[in-house]
Protein backbone atom coordinates (compact mmCIF):
# COMPACT_ATOMS: atom_id res chain seq x y z
CA UNK A 1 -3.72 15.76 -16.71
CA UNK A 2 -2.93 15.45 -20.39
CA UNK A 3 -6.20 14.78 -22.18
CA UNK A 4 -5.53 13.92 -25.65
CA UNK A 5 -2.69 12.47 -27.76
CA UNK A 6 -2.34 12.25 -31.37
CA UNK A 7 0.99 10.75 -33.17
CA UNK A 8 1.19 10.72 -37.33
CA UNK A 9 3.67 9.34 -38.76
CA UNK A 10 5.63 7.96 -35.58
CA UNK A 11 6.93 4.46 -35.36
CA UNK A 12 4.26 1.91 -35.78
CA UNK A 13 1.50 4.99 -36.47
CA UNK A 14 0.61 6.48 -39.49
CA UNK A 15 -1.94 8.33 -37.98
CA UNK A 16 -3.52 7.37 -34.73
CA UNK A 17 -6.52 10.22 -34.57
CA UNK A 18 -7.48 12.06 -31.68
CA UNK A 19 -6.72 9.78 -28.46
CA UNK A 20 -8.64 10.76 -25.26
CA UNK A 21 -7.06 10.32 -22.16
CA UNK A 22 -8.86 9.79 -19.21
CA UNK A 23 -8.23 9.37 -15.36
CA UNK A 24 -7.76 6.17 -16.20
CA UNK A 25 -6.69 4.72 -19.88
CA UNK A 26 -6.02 1.36 -20.51
CA UNK A 27 -4.34 -0.08 -23.14
CA UNK A 28 -4.19 -3.28 -24.18
CA UNK A 29 -3.62 -5.45 -27.57
CA UNK A 30 -1.39 -7.48 -29.28
CA UNK A 31 2.25 -8.16 -29.02
CA UNK A 32 4.24 -5.35 -30.99
CA UNK A 33 0.98 -3.62 -32.11
CA UNK A 34 1.88 -0.32 -30.77
CA UNK A 35 0.62 -0.10 -27.54
CA UNK A 36 4.40 1.33 -25.93
CA UNK A 37 4.61 3.79 -29.01
CA UNK A 38 2.02 5.66 -27.96
CA UNK A 39 3.47 5.32 -23.95
CA UNK A 40 6.96 6.21 -25.57
CA UNK A 41 5.49 9.56 -27.42
CA UNK A 42 5.10 10.99 -24.18
CA UNK A 43 8.48 9.57 -22.38
CA UNK A 44 10.43 11.25 -25.71
CA UNK A 45 9.20 14.72 -25.02
CA UNK A 46 9.42 14.07 -21.18
CA UNK A 47 13.38 13.47 -21.60
CA UNK A 48 13.60 16.52 -24.55
CA UNK A 49 11.77 18.75 -21.82
CA UNK A 50 14.85 17.40 -19.37
CA UNK A 51 17.27 17.48 -21.54
CA UNK A 52 20.50 19.97 -20.35
CA UNK A 53 20.99 21.49 -23.73
CA UNK A 54 18.27 23.97 -24.53
CA UNK A 55 18.13 24.15 -28.34
CA UNK A 56 17.69 20.65 -28.91
CA UNK A 57 14.92 20.07 -31.17
CA UNK A 58 14.10 16.09 -29.79
CA UNK A 59 16.48 14.51 -28.14
CA UNK A 60 16.10 10.91 -29.11
CA UNK A 61 18.39 9.84 -26.39
CA UNK A 62 21.63 8.05 -25.59
CA UNK A 63 22.58 8.77 -22.48
CA UNK A 64 22.50 5.73 -20.36
CA UNK A 65 22.39 7.74 -17.22
CA UNK A 66 19.57 11.10 -17.74
CA UNK A 67 17.41 9.54 -20.59
CA UNK A 68 14.63 6.84 -20.38
CA UNK A 69 14.46 5.80 -24.26
CA UNK A 70 17.07 5.59 -26.92
CA UNK A 71 15.27 5.90 -29.96
CA UNK A 72 17.50 5.84 -32.35
CA UNK A 73 18.29 8.12 -35.02
CA UNK A 74 15.27 9.73 -37.15
CA UNK A 75 14.94 6.84 -39.67
CA UNK A 76 13.81 5.18 -36.65
CA UNK A 77 11.25 7.39 -35.35
CA UNK A 78 9.37 7.58 -38.79
CA UNK A 79 6.88 5.68 -39.80
CA UNK A 80 7.93 2.82 -42.54
CA UNK A 81 5.62 3.79 -45.10
CA UNK A 82 5.71 7.82 -44.65
CA UNK A 83 5.03 9.92 -47.76
CA UNK A 84 6.96 12.69 -48.75
CA UNK A 85 7.08 15.14 -46.96
CA UNK A 86 9.11 12.86 -44.87
CA UNK A 87 8.04 14.46 -41.33
CA UNK A 88 6.25 12.71 -38.06
CA UNK A 89 4.08 14.72 -35.29
CA UNK A 90 3.62 14.87 -31.75
CA UNK A 91 0.44 16.78 -30.05
CA UNK A 92 -1.63 16.95 -27.04
CA UNK A 93 -3.56 18.56 -25.11
CA UNK A 94 -4.16 18.84 -21.49
CA UNK A 95 -5.89 20.09 -18.73
CA UNK A 96 -5.65 21.07 -14.97
CA UNK A 97 -8.14 21.96 -12.50
CA UNK A 98 -8.13 26.27 -12.04
CA UNK A 99 -5.17 27.58 -9.58
CA UNK A 100 -4.92 30.99 -9.32
CA UNK A 101 -0.82 30.59 -8.92
CA UNK A 102 -0.86 29.42 -12.45
CA UNK A 103 -1.28 31.66 -14.86
CA UNK A 104 -1.89 29.08 -17.78
CA UNK A 105 -4.34 25.96 -16.67
CA UNK A 106 -4.81 24.20 -20.17
CA UNK A 107 -3.39 24.28 -23.55
CA UNK A 108 -2.01 22.12 -26.31
CA UNK A 109 0.46 21.84 -28.39
CA UNK A 110 1.64 20.37 -31.72
CA UNK A 111 4.91 19.64 -33.17
CA UNK A 112 5.62 18.68 -36.50
CA UNK A 113 9.55 17.08 -37.20
CA UNK A 114 11.81 16.75 -40.32
CA UNK A 115 15.23 16.07 -40.92
CA UNK A 116 18.14 18.32 -41.04
CA UNK A 117 21.11 18.11 -43.86
CA UNK A 118 23.23 16.96 -41.24
CA UNK A 119 20.75 13.69 -40.24
CA UNK A 120 19.23 15.60 -36.87
CA UNK A 121 15.81 15.82 -36.06
CA UNK A 122 14.75 19.76 -36.72
CA UNK A 123 11.40 21.26 -35.57
CA UNK A 124 9.76 22.26 -38.78
CA UNK A 125 6.27 23.59 -37.39
CA UNK A 126 5.78 24.14 -33.50
CA UNK A 127 2.48 25.24 -32.41
CA UNK A 128 0.86 26.22 -29.19
CA UNK A 129 -2.62 26.83 -27.71
CA UNK A 130 -4.16 28.14 -25.01
CA UNK A 131 -7.77 30.14 -24.30
CA UNK A 132 -7.99 30.93 -27.69
CA UNK A 133 -4.52 32.43 -28.32
CA UNK A 134 -2.58 30.38 -30.81
CA UNK A 135 1.52 31.05 -31.76
CA UNK A 136 3.30 28.96 -33.85
CA UNK A 137 6.94 28.42 -35.32
CA UNK A 138 7.68 27.97 -38.96
CA UNK A 139 11.28 26.96 -40.03
CA UNK A 140 11.89 28.34 -43.37
CA UNK A 141 15.43 28.22 -45.19
CA UNK A 142 18.70 27.88 -43.35
CA UNK A 143 17.66 27.66 -40.03
CA UNK A 144 15.29 30.63 -39.87
CA UNK A 145 12.22 30.57 -38.00
CA UNK A 146 9.05 32.59 -38.32
CA UNK A 147 6.93 33.59 -35.61
CA UNK A 148 3.21 33.70 -36.25
CA UNK A 149 0.20 35.03 -33.86
CA UNK A 150 -3.18 34.05 -33.80
CA UNK A 151 -3.23 32.51 -37.42
CA UNK A 152 -1.41 35.69 -39.12
CA UNK A 153 -0.01 34.60 -42.68
CA UNK A 154 3.15 37.55 -42.56
CA UNK A 155 4.75 36.98 -39.78
CA UNK A 156 6.29 39.79 -37.53
CA UNK A 157 9.49 37.90 -36.61
CA UNK A 158 11.43 36.26 -38.30
CA UNK A 159 15.29 34.84 -37.87
CA UNK A 160 17.80 32.36 -36.84
CA UNK A 161 17.15 33.57 -33.51
CA UNK A 162 13.74 32.66 -33.44
CA UNK A 163 14.44 28.61 -33.02
CA UNK A 164 12.44 27.05 -30.82
CA UNK A 165 13.37 25.21 -28.04
CA UNK A 166 13.25 21.61 -26.42
CA UNK A 167 10.01 20.79 -28.36
CA UNK A 168 7.60 23.30 -26.31
CA UNK A 169 9.30 26.91 -26.09
CA UNK A 170 10.22 29.84 -27.74
CA UNK A 171 13.41 31.26 -27.71
CA UNK A 172 14.09 34.13 -25.89
CA UNK A 173 14.52 36.73 -28.59
CA UNK A 174 10.72 35.48 -30.09
CA UNK A 175 9.38 36.05 -26.19
CA UNK A 176 10.74 39.60 -26.26
CA UNK A 177 9.99 40.22 -29.63
CA UNK A 178 6.21 39.42 -28.40
CA UNK A 179 5.92 42.16 -26.22
CA UNK A 180 3.17 41.89 -24.14
CA UNK A 181 2.14 37.95 -25.93
CA UNK A 182 5.52 37.19 -24.82
CA UNK A 183 4.22 37.02 -21.17
CA UNK A 184 1.76 34.11 -22.48
CA UNK A 185 3.90 31.90 -24.58
CA UNK A 186 6.11 31.90 -21.67
CA UNK A 187 3.44 31.19 -19.45
CA UNK A 188 2.42 28.08 -21.54
CA UNK A 189 5.90 26.78 -22.18
CA UNK A 190 6.08 26.84 -18.38
CA UNK A 191 2.78 24.48 -17.89
CA UNK A 192 4.02 21.98 -20.60
CA UNK A 193 7.49 21.99 -18.59
CA UNK A 194 5.77 20.92 -15.37
CA UNK A 195 3.34 18.57 -16.96
CA UNK A 196 6.28 16.58 -18.41
CA UNK A 197 7.83 16.52 -15.23
CA UNK A 198 4.93 15.10 -13.53
CA UNK A 199 5.44 12.09 -15.09
CA UNK A 200 5.82 9.21 -13.77
CA UNK A 201 7.23 5.92 -15.65
CA UNK A 202 6.90 2.35 -14.71
CA UNK A 203 8.46 0.15 -17.22
CA UNK A 204 7.72 -3.84 -17.21
CA UNK A 205 11.38 -4.75 -15.74
CA UNK A 206 11.77 -4.48 -12.08
CA UNK A 207 14.18 -5.28 -9.36
CA UNK A 208 14.39 -7.93 -8.04
CA UNK A 209 14.52 -7.88 -4.02
CA UNK A 210 16.90 -7.56 -1.56
CA UNK A 211 17.21 -9.32 1.62
CA UNK A 212 18.38 -6.17 3.36
CA UNK A 213 18.38 -2.66 2.35
CA UNK A 214 20.36 0.76 3.80
CA UNK A 215 18.91 3.97 3.95
CA UNK A 216 20.54 7.41 4.13
CA UNK A 217 17.55 8.87 6.12
CA UNK A 218 16.18 10.77 3.16
CA UNK A 219 12.96 10.48 0.61
CA UNK A 220 13.91 9.83 -3.25
CA UNK A 221 12.78 12.42 -5.55
CA UNK A 222 11.69 9.58 -7.86
CA UNK A 223 11.58 5.53 -7.41
CA UNK A 224 12.96 5.24 -11.06
CA UNK A 225 11.78 3.11 -14.38
CA UNK A 226 12.92 -0.23 -12.70
CA UNK A 227 11.21 0.77 -9.32
CA UNK A 228 14.50 1.05 -7.72
CA UNK A 229 13.45 3.72 -5.43
CA UNK A 230 10.55 2.22 -4.23
CA UNK A 231 12.26 0.67 -1.14
CA UNK A 232 13.58 3.94 -0.35
CA UNK A 233 10.40 5.78 -0.32
CA UNK A 234 8.92 2.83 1.86
CA UNK A 235 11.39 3.36 4.41
CA UNK A 236 11.28 6.67 4.46
CA UNK A 237 7.40 6.20 4.97
CA UNK A 238 8.52 3.96 8.06
CA UNK A 239 10.97 5.53 9.88
CA UNK A 240 10.53 9.54 9.46
CA UNK A 241 7.82 10.53 11.56
CA UNK A 242 4.65 11.78 10.76
CA UNK A 243 1.15 10.56 9.33
CA UNK A 244 2.15 12.31 6.10
CA UNK A 245 4.77 9.72 5.90
CA UNK A 246 3.49 6.48 7.31
CA UNK A 247 0.73 6.73 4.42
CA UNK A 248 2.87 4.91 2.09
CA UNK A 249 3.16 2.08 3.87
CA UNK A 250 -0.28 1.66 5.38
CA UNK A 251 -1.54 2.43 2.04
CA UNK A 252 0.83 -0.61 0.63
CA UNK A 253 -0.59 -2.61 2.91
CA UNK A 254 -3.46 -2.32 2.15
CA UNK A 255 -3.73 -3.44 -1.06
CA UNK A 256 -1.59 -6.32 -0.50
CA UNK A 257 -4.51 -7.48 1.60
CA UNK A 258 -6.66 -6.29 -0.62
CA UNK A 259 -4.86 -8.62 -3.19
CA UNK A 260 -4.58 -11.54 -0.79
CA UNK A 261 -0.66 -11.65 -1.27
CA UNK A 262 -0.17 -10.55 2.21
CA UNK A 263 -2.00 -9.04 5.58
CA UNK A 264 0.06 -6.37 5.73
CA UNK A 265 4.22 -5.42 4.97
CA UNK A 266 6.56 -3.29 7.09
CA UNK A 267 10.46 -2.77 7.71
CA UNK A 268 12.65 -3.49 10.55
CA UNK A 269 16.03 -2.02 11.23
CA UNK A 270 18.61 -4.82 11.86
CA UNK A 271 20.22 -4.38 14.84
CA UNK A 272 21.50 -0.74 15.17
CA UNK A 273 22.66 0.05 11.78
CA UNK A 274 21.07 1.38 8.90
CA UNK A 275 20.06 -1.87 7.18
CA UNK A 276 16.68 -2.77 7.21
CA UNK A 277 14.65 -5.27 6.02
CA UNK A 278 11.07 -5.66 4.41
CA UNK A 279 9.11 -7.91 6.38
CA UNK A 280 5.86 -9.42 4.70
CA UNK A 281 3.58 -10.65 7.53
CA UNK A 282 1.01 -13.38 6.36
CA UNK A 283 -0.98 -16.22 8.60
CA UNK A 284 0.90 -14.74 11.46
CA UNK A 285 4.42 -15.51 10.04
CA UNK A 286 6.69 -12.25 9.01
CA UNK A 287 8.62 -13.45 6.33
CA UNK A 288 11.81 -11.28 4.66
CA UNK A 289 10.66 -10.13 1.29
CA UNK A 290 13.58 -12.07 -0.34
CA UNK A 291 11.77 -15.62 1.03
CA UNK A 292 7.96 -15.09 -0.56
CA UNK A 293 7.00 -15.19 -3.61
CA UNK A 294 8.14 -12.93 -6.95
CA UNK A 295 4.85 -11.23 -7.62
CA UNK A 296 4.38 -8.96 -3.94
CA UNK A 297 8.79 -7.51 -5.27
CA UNK A 298 7.12 -7.01 -8.21
CA UNK A 299 3.55 -4.98 -7.16
CA UNK A 300 5.75 -3.45 -4.52
CA UNK A 301 6.71 -0.32 -6.75
CA UNK A 302 3.14 0.30 -8.32
CA UNK A 303 1.46 0.43 -5.08
CA UNK A 304 4.35 2.59 -3.68
CA UNK A 305 4.38 5.16 -6.90
CA UNK A 306 0.09 5.32 -6.43
CA UNK A 307 0.86 6.55 -3.10
CA UNK A 308 4.21 8.44 -4.02
CA UNK A 309 2.76 10.44 -6.51
CA UNK A 310 2.09 13.78 -5.92
CA UNK A 311 -1.39 15.24 -6.87
CA UNK A 312 -1.75 16.04 -10.35
CA UNK A 313 1.21 13.34 -11.23
CA UNK A 314 1.04 11.31 -14.52
CA UNK A 315 1.90 8.08 -13.90
CA UNK A 316 2.41 5.59 -16.86
CA UNK A 317 3.01 1.83 -16.38
CA UNK A 318 3.55 -0.64 -18.61
CA UNK A 319 2.10 -4.51 -17.38
CA UNK A 320 1.58 -3.85 -13.64
CA UNK A 321 0.01 -7.27 -13.60
CA UNK A 322 3.69 -8.90 -13.89
CA UNK A 323 3.93 -12.19 -11.44
CA UNK A 324 0.00 -11.62 -9.74
CA UNK A 325 -2.64 -13.90 -9.55
CA UNK A 326 -5.07 -13.12 -11.49
CA UNK A 327 -7.39 -12.17 -7.69
CA UNK A 328 -4.13 -10.12 -7.63
CA UNK A 329 -4.15 -8.42 -11.17
CA UNK A 330 -8.09 -8.02 -11.05
CA UNK A 331 -7.72 -5.53 -7.66
CA UNK A 332 -5.35 -3.65 -9.85
CA UNK A 333 -8.39 -2.20 -11.33
CA UNK A 334 -9.75 -0.87 -7.88
CA UNK A 335 -6.20 0.45 -7.20
CA UNK A 336 -6.05 3.19 -10.16
CA UNK A 337 -9.86 3.81 -9.90
CA UNK A 338 -9.41 4.80 -6.07
CA UNK A 339 -5.93 6.39 -6.61
CA UNK A 340 -7.53 8.68 -8.98
CA UNK A 341 -10.34 9.69 -7.85
CA UNK A 342 -8.71 9.87 -3.91
CA UNK A 343 -5.47 11.85 -5.28
CA UNK A 344 -6.26 13.02 -8.30
CA UNK A 345 -3.44 11.03 -9.99
CA UNK A 346 -3.77 9.90 -13.61
CA UNK A 347 -2.68 6.51 -14.87
CA UNK A 348 -1.97 5.58 -18.56
CA UNK A 349 -1.62 1.31 -18.46
CA UNK A 350 -0.28 -0.85 -21.02
CA UNK A 351 -1.57 -4.12 -19.91
CA UNK A 352 -2.22 -7.76 -21.17
CA UNK A 353 -4.19 -8.86 -18.24
CA UNK A 354 -7.93 -9.68 -18.84
CA UNK A 355 -8.44 -10.34 -14.97
CA UNK A 356 -7.36 -6.03 -14.49
CA UNK A 357 -9.53 -5.47 -17.85
CA UNK A 358 -12.81 -7.55 -16.53
CA UNK A 359 -12.59 -5.59 -12.94
CA UNK A 360 -12.34 -2.47 -14.75
CA UNK A 361 -15.69 -3.82 -16.65
CA UNK A 362 -17.25 -4.44 -13.22
CA UNK A 363 -16.57 -1.51 -11.55
CA UNK A 364 -18.36 0.63 -14.48
CA UNK A 365 -21.46 -1.68 -13.88
CA UNK A 366 -20.99 -0.58 -10.10
CA UNK A 367 -21.36 3.07 -11.38
CA UNK A 368 -17.52 3.00 -9.99
CA UNK A 369 -16.01 4.50 -13.23
CA UNK A 370 -17.98 5.97 -15.99
CA UNK A 371 -16.57 6.71 -19.71
CA UNK A 372 -15.72 10.49 -17.74
CA UNK A 373 -12.85 8.57 -15.72
CA UNK A 374 -11.96 5.48 -17.69
CA UNK A 375 -10.98 4.87 -21.51
CA UNK A 376 -9.96 1.40 -22.73
CA UNK A 377 -8.13 1.07 -26.34
CA UNK A 378 -7.33 -1.82 -28.29
CA UNK A 379 -4.30 -1.73 -30.50
CA UNK A 380 -3.81 -4.19 -33.15
CA UNK A 381 -1.85 -4.36 -36.95
CA UNK A 382 -3.33 -3.12 -40.00
CA UNK A 383 -0.10 -4.47 -42.31
CA UNK A 384 2.82 -2.44 -41.46
CA UNK A 385 0.72 0.55 -39.31
CA UNK A 386 -1.43 0.14 -36.31
CA UNK A 387 -4.73 0.57 -35.76
CA UNK A 388 -6.38 1.60 -32.45
CA UNK A 389 -10.20 0.97 -31.56
CA UNK A 390 -11.88 2.81 -28.70
CA UNK A 391 -13.98 0.11 -26.81
CA UNK A 392 -17.39 1.04 -26.28
CA UNK A 393 -18.96 -0.36 -22.62
CA UNK A 394 -22.67 -0.17 -22.00
CA UNK A 395 -23.69 0.94 -18.21
CA UNK A 396 -23.50 -2.88 -17.46
CA UNK A 397 -19.78 -3.25 -18.54
CA UNK A 398 -20.02 -5.10 -21.80
CA UNK A 399 -18.27 -4.48 -24.75
CA UNK A 400 -20.28 -3.52 -28.10
CA UNK A 401 -17.61 -3.84 -30.10
CA UNK A 402 -15.30 -6.87 -29.01
CA UNK A 403 -12.46 -7.13 -31.22
CA UNK A 404 -11.88 -10.40 -32.84
CA UNK A 405 -10.23 -12.96 -30.56
CA UNK A 406 -9.70 -9.88 -28.16
CA UNK A 407 -8.08 -12.27 -24.98
CA UNK A 408 -8.91 -15.51 -27.18
CA UNK A 409 -12.03 -17.77 -27.66
CA UNK A 410 -12.87 -18.36 -24.23
CA UNK A 411 -16.25 -20.09 -26.11
CA UNK A 412 -14.60 -21.92 -28.50
CA UNK A 413 -12.44 -23.61 -26.26
CA UNK A 414 -15.26 -24.42 -24.11
CA UNK A 415 -17.10 -25.59 -26.85
CA UNK A 416 -14.16 -28.23 -27.93
CA UNK A 417 -13.59 -29.30 -24.89
CA UNK A 418 -17.04 -30.60 -24.43
CA UNK A 419 -17.38 -31.88 -27.75
CA UNK A 420 -14.17 -34.12 -26.83
CA UNK A 421 -15.75 -34.97 -23.62
CA UNK A 422 -18.40 -36.65 -25.66
CA UNK A 423 -16.05 -38.08 -27.73
CA UNK A 424 -14.29 -39.82 -25.31
CA UNK A 425 -18.01 -41.07 -23.26
CA UNK A 426 -18.61 -42.60 -26.30
CA UNK A 427 -15.20 -44.15 -26.67
CA UNK A 428 -15.41 -45.57 -23.47
CA UNK A 429 -18.86 -47.24 -24.03
CA UNK A 430 -18.19 -48.76 -27.01
CA UNK A 431 -14.62 -50.19 -24.99
CA UNK A 432 -17.16 -51.47 -22.28
CA UNK A 433 -19.72 -53.22 -24.75
CA UNK A 434 -16.86 -55.01 -26.74
CA UNK A 435 -15.43 -56.31 -23.35
CA UNK A 436 -19.03 -57.32 -21.52
CA UNK A 437 -19.09 -59.53 -25.28
């Protein structure tokens, strides 16, 4: 699980400060304020870690098939008001439960990036830490790097063959030159790689439902950023024998029922073909998913991912509430809390839903969520820079530090409606008096 994030001079952010990430982390705020940038920083490192080019320092994207985002170039990523030296940084920490099969269960990374003479992004300083040990790779002249251990000032290794790889790893020459410490660095980089490989991302734009689907009798490895693999996961859950598979379909049905948008969901084969339809049951009526409201198909990937993601995964969601009515939006808060607790899945959620937020407040009041399990942040713009505020909740879920016009001015709307009602009543009484005279 990611436990901390910090960005400096990265897109909208001059400096985020240290952001604590919890099992459920909610990002709220105005449009174009910088919420998505926090998410994108982790996805940028994920696509770098998964790049086929191990020598790349930062993969800004461009491959429409394999990359999650196209970030443009160095100038597109660098904060507009960045001062010299023109650099940006991404830092994070992670923590896993003790696992004897993993040599490293916690650590942190901070990487500072600059621009090379050819315009490409290069690492200026890579800092890796775990269990009180610290390993650094610092860029020198002409692409050479110095390797520093535990804060030493004079490097034991220096040269062009010591350039870091994929933002998270030391080169093979550096690992060999560090002798026993090389194993520690290698294990730490492997743990970081696994952490990014465990990220599952669902974007705000999801596929519309089809009337029927073909299935090749396999379980998908990924649901996809538009939810395209969600139906394959459901088909595998329904058609492969064993309770461990049926769990996904049953879980989705449970939450659709809790949201009061369906009684249950099932799969129906079309004759003897390899084509299947998703059937939504409600009030005794069975309907093809194409013939019901769009909200079910849009929330379906969210529910599938919650049950499909392996324990220890980090699920990143943008606008999971899209096309849902208020009650269904609020139930999402319960979904995130329950799944994170029962399946050890972390959720980082960017949302505009007041109903989702309000239900999370209620969960805090019920003591079903605590500051150790839930963090909520409000992001807004302050001139050219984004500004972050952690929302402070008391034991009853009440926010101590409300931002101005957080969800509009509900009290002001009620006050104006009441004033207009009184004014209208006076006008009607005056009109009635004139008519009677």
